[in-house]
Amino acid sequence: MNRNTCPLCAKPSSAAHAPFCSRGCKDRDLLQWLGEGYRIPGEPVDPEAQSRLDSADSRD
């Protein structure tokens, strides 16, 4: 992808919304992050350890 194109729709990027072309693409990208549409890979979680963490959180 060219440095001067929007990473979502490939239209020319706008200086006001860089690296996106518009407020719409900028907001769509943010919603992807907030809605867990983008994820960063990590180590698998042990289900038993997760349930212990969840039960400890519920006691707080």
N, C-alpha and C. Protein backbone atom coordinates (compact mmCIF):
# COMPACT_ATOMS: atom_id res chain seq x y z
N MET A 1 0.85 -1.18 0.00
CA MET A 1 0.00 0.00 0.00
C MET A 1 0.89 1.24 0.00
N ASN A 2 0.53 2.16 -0.82
CA ASN A 2 1.28 3.41 -0.93
C ASN A 2 1.14 4.21 0.36
N ARG A 3 2.17 4.91 0.70
CA ARG A 3 2.19 5.72 1.91
C ARG A 3 1.15 6.84 1.89
N ASN A 4 0.75 7.25 0.71
CA ASN A 4 -0.19 8.36 0.57
C ASN A 4 -1.62 7.89 0.30
N THR A 5 -1.92 6.64 0.62
CA THR A 5 -3.27 6.14 0.43
C THR A 5 -3.84 5.68 1.77
N CYS A 6 -5.15 5.73 1.87
CA CYS A 6 -5.85 5.30 3.07
C CYS A 6 -5.67 3.80 3.26
N PRO A 7 -5.31 3.35 4.45
CA PRO A 7 -5.11 1.91 4.68
C PRO A 7 -6.41 1.11 4.62
N LEU A 8 -7.56 1.77 4.71
CA LEU A 8 -8.82 1.04 4.67
C LEU A 8 -9.43 0.97 3.28
N CYS A 9 -9.42 2.07 2.54
CA CYS A 9 -10.12 2.09 1.25
C CYS A 9 -9.22 2.41 0.06
N ALA A 10 -7.97 2.71 0.29
CA ALA A 10 -6.96 2.98 -0.74
C ALA A 10 -7.18 4.28 -1.51
N LYS A 11 -8.06 5.15 -1.03
CA LYS A 11 -8.20 6.48 -1.63
C LYS A 11 -7.03 7.33 -1.17
N PRO A 12 -6.75 8.44 -1.82
CA PRO A 12 -5.67 9.32 -1.38
C PRO A 12 -5.90 9.80 0.06
N SER A 13 -4.85 9.78 0.86
CA SER A 13 -5.00 10.20 2.25
C SER A 13 -5.13 11.71 2.35
N SER A 14 -5.72 12.15 3.46
CA SER A 14 -5.94 13.56 3.72
C SER A 14 -5.04 13.99 4.87
N ALA A 15 -4.41 15.14 4.76
CA ALA A 15 -3.53 15.63 5.83
C ALA A 15 -4.30 15.82 7.13
N ALA A 16 -5.56 16.19 7.03
CA ALA A 16 -6.38 16.42 8.23
C ALA A 16 -6.72 15.12 8.96
N HIS A 17 -6.71 13.99 8.23
CA HIS A 17 -7.10 12.71 8.83
C HIS A 17 -6.03 11.64 8.66
N ALA A 18 -4.79 12.05 8.40
CA ALA A 18 -3.70 11.12 8.10
C ALA A 18 -3.62 10.01 9.14
N PRO A 19 -3.38 8.80 8.74
CA PRO A 19 -3.10 8.34 7.38
C PRO A 19 -4.37 7.98 6.59
N PHE A 20 -5.52 8.35 7.11
CA PHE A 20 -6.79 8.00 6.46
C PHE A 20 -7.22 9.10 5.49
N CYS A 21 -8.24 8.79 4.68
CA CYS A 21 -8.72 9.74 3.69
C CYS A 21 -9.81 10.64 4.24
N SER A 22 -10.50 10.18 5.28
CA SER A 22 -11.64 10.94 5.79
C SER A 22 -11.89 10.59 7.26
N ARG A 23 -12.77 11.35 7.85
CA ARG A 23 -13.17 11.09 9.25
C ARG A 23 -13.87 9.73 9.34
N GLY A 24 -14.61 9.38 8.30
CA GLY A 24 -15.32 8.09 8.28
C GLY A 24 -14.37 6.91 8.38
N CYS A 25 -13.31 6.90 7.59
CA CYS A 25 -12.34 5.81 7.65
C CYS A 25 -11.60 5.82 8.98
N LYS A 26 -11.30 7.00 9.47
CA LYS A 26 -10.61 7.12 10.76
C LYS A 26 -11.47 6.53 11.88
N ASP A 27 -12.76 6.87 11.88
CA ASP A 27 -13.68 6.34 12.89
C ASP A 27 -13.91 4.85 12.73
N ARG A 28 -13.99 4.37 11.48
CA ARG A 28 -14.16 2.94 11.25
C ARG A 28 -12.99 2.14 11.81
N ASP A 29 -11.78 2.67 11.64
CA ASP A 29 -10.59 2.01 12.18
C ASP A 29 -10.64 1.98 13.71
N LEU A 30 -11.02 3.08 14.32
CA LEU A 30 -11.13 3.12 15.78
C LEU A 30 -12.16 2.12 16.28
N LEU A 31 -13.30 2.03 15.60
CA LEU A 31 -14.32 1.06 16.01
C LEU A 31 -13.84 -0.38 15.89
N GLN A 32 -12.99 -0.65 14.91
CA GLN A 32 -12.41 -1.99 14.80
C GLN A 32 -11.57 -2.31 16.03
N TRP A 33 -10.77 -1.35 16.50
CA TRP A 33 -9.95 -1.57 17.69
C TRP A 33 -10.83 -1.72 18.93
N LEU A 34 -11.82 -0.86 19.07
CA LEU A 34 -12.68 -0.90 20.26
C LEU A 34 -13.55 -2.14 20.29
N GLY A 35 -13.95 -2.62 19.13
CA GLY A 35 -14.80 -3.80 19.04
C GLY A 35 -14.02 -5.10 18.95
N GLU A 36 -12.73 -5.05 19.20
CA GLU A 36 -11.84 -6.21 19.14
C GLU A 36 -11.79 -6.84 17.75
N GLY A 37 -11.99 -6.02 16.72
CA GLY A 37 -11.85 -6.50 15.35
C GLY A 37 -10.39 -6.72 14.98
N TYR A 38 -9.51 -5.97 15.61
CA TYR A 38 -8.08 -6.15 15.43
C TYR A 38 -7.55 -6.79 16.70
N ARG A 39 -6.68 -7.73 16.55
CA ARG A 39 -6.09 -8.38 17.73
C ARG A 39 -4.59 -8.55 17.51
N ILE A 40 -3.87 -8.45 18.58
CA ILE A 40 -2.43 -8.66 18.55
C ILE A 40 -2.19 -10.06 19.09
N PRO A 41 -1.52 -10.93 18.32
CA PRO A 41 -1.33 -12.30 18.77
C PRO A 41 -0.49 -12.38 20.03
N GLY A 42 -0.80 -13.35 20.84
CA GLY A 42 -0.05 -13.56 22.07
C GLY A 42 -0.06 -15.04 22.42
N GLU A 43 0.46 -15.33 23.56
CA GLU A 43 0.49 -16.71 24.04
C GLU A 43 -0.92 -17.18 24.37
N PRO A 44 -1.22 -18.48 24.15
CA PRO A 44 -2.52 -19.01 24.53
C PRO A 44 -2.73 -18.88 26.05
N VAL A 45 -3.96 -18.65 26.45
CA VAL A 45 -4.29 -18.51 27.86
C VAL A 45 -4.76 -19.85 28.40
N ASP A 46 -4.24 -20.23 29.56
CA ASP A 46 -4.66 -21.45 30.23
C ASP A 46 -6.08 -21.23 30.77
N PRO A 47 -7.07 -22.04 30.36
CA PRO A 47 -8.44 -21.83 30.80
C PRO A 47 -8.61 -21.84 32.32
N GLU A 48 -7.85 -22.70 33.02
CA GLU A 48 -7.96 -22.75 34.47
C GLU A 48 -7.42 -21.47 35.11
N ALA A 49 -6.32 -20.97 34.61
CA ALA A 49 -5.76 -19.73 35.13
C ALA A 49 -6.72 -18.57 34.87
N GLN A 50 -7.35 -18.57 33.70
CA GLN A 50 -8.30 -17.51 33.37
C GLN A 50 -9.50 -17.55 34.31
N SER A 51 -10.00 -18.74 34.62
CA SER A 51 -11.16 -18.84 35.52
C SER A 51 -10.79 -18.38 36.93
N ARG A 52 -9.55 -18.64 37.37
CA ARG A 52 -9.11 -18.13 38.68
C ARG A 52 -9.05 -16.62 38.68
N LEU A 53 -8.54 -16.04 37.58
CA LEU A 53 -8.48 -14.57 37.47
C LEU A 53 -9.89 -13.98 37.46
N ASP A 54 -10.81 -14.62 36.73
CA ASP A 54 -12.18 -14.13 36.65
C ASP A 54 -12.85 -14.17 38.01
N SER A 55 -12.64 -15.25 38.77
CA SER A 55 -13.28 -15.36 40.09
C SER A 55 -12.66 -14.38 41.08
N ALA A 56 -11.37 -14.10 40.94
CA ALA A 56 -10.73 -13.10 41.80
C ALA A 56 -11.26 -11.70 41.49
N ASP A 57 -11.52 -11.41 40.22
CA ASP A 57 -12.07 -10.11 39.83
C ASP A 57 -13.49 -9.94 40.35
N SER A 58 -14.26 -11.00 40.39
CA SER A 58 -15.65 -10.88 40.83
C SER A 58 -15.75 -10.64 42.33
N ARG A 59 -14.70 -10.97 43.08
CA ARG A 59 -14.70 -10.74 44.54
C ARG A 59 -14.40 -9.29 44.89
N ASP A 60 -13.79 -8.55 43.97
CA ASP A 60 -13.41 -7.15 44.25
C ASP A 60 -14.58 -6.23 44.31
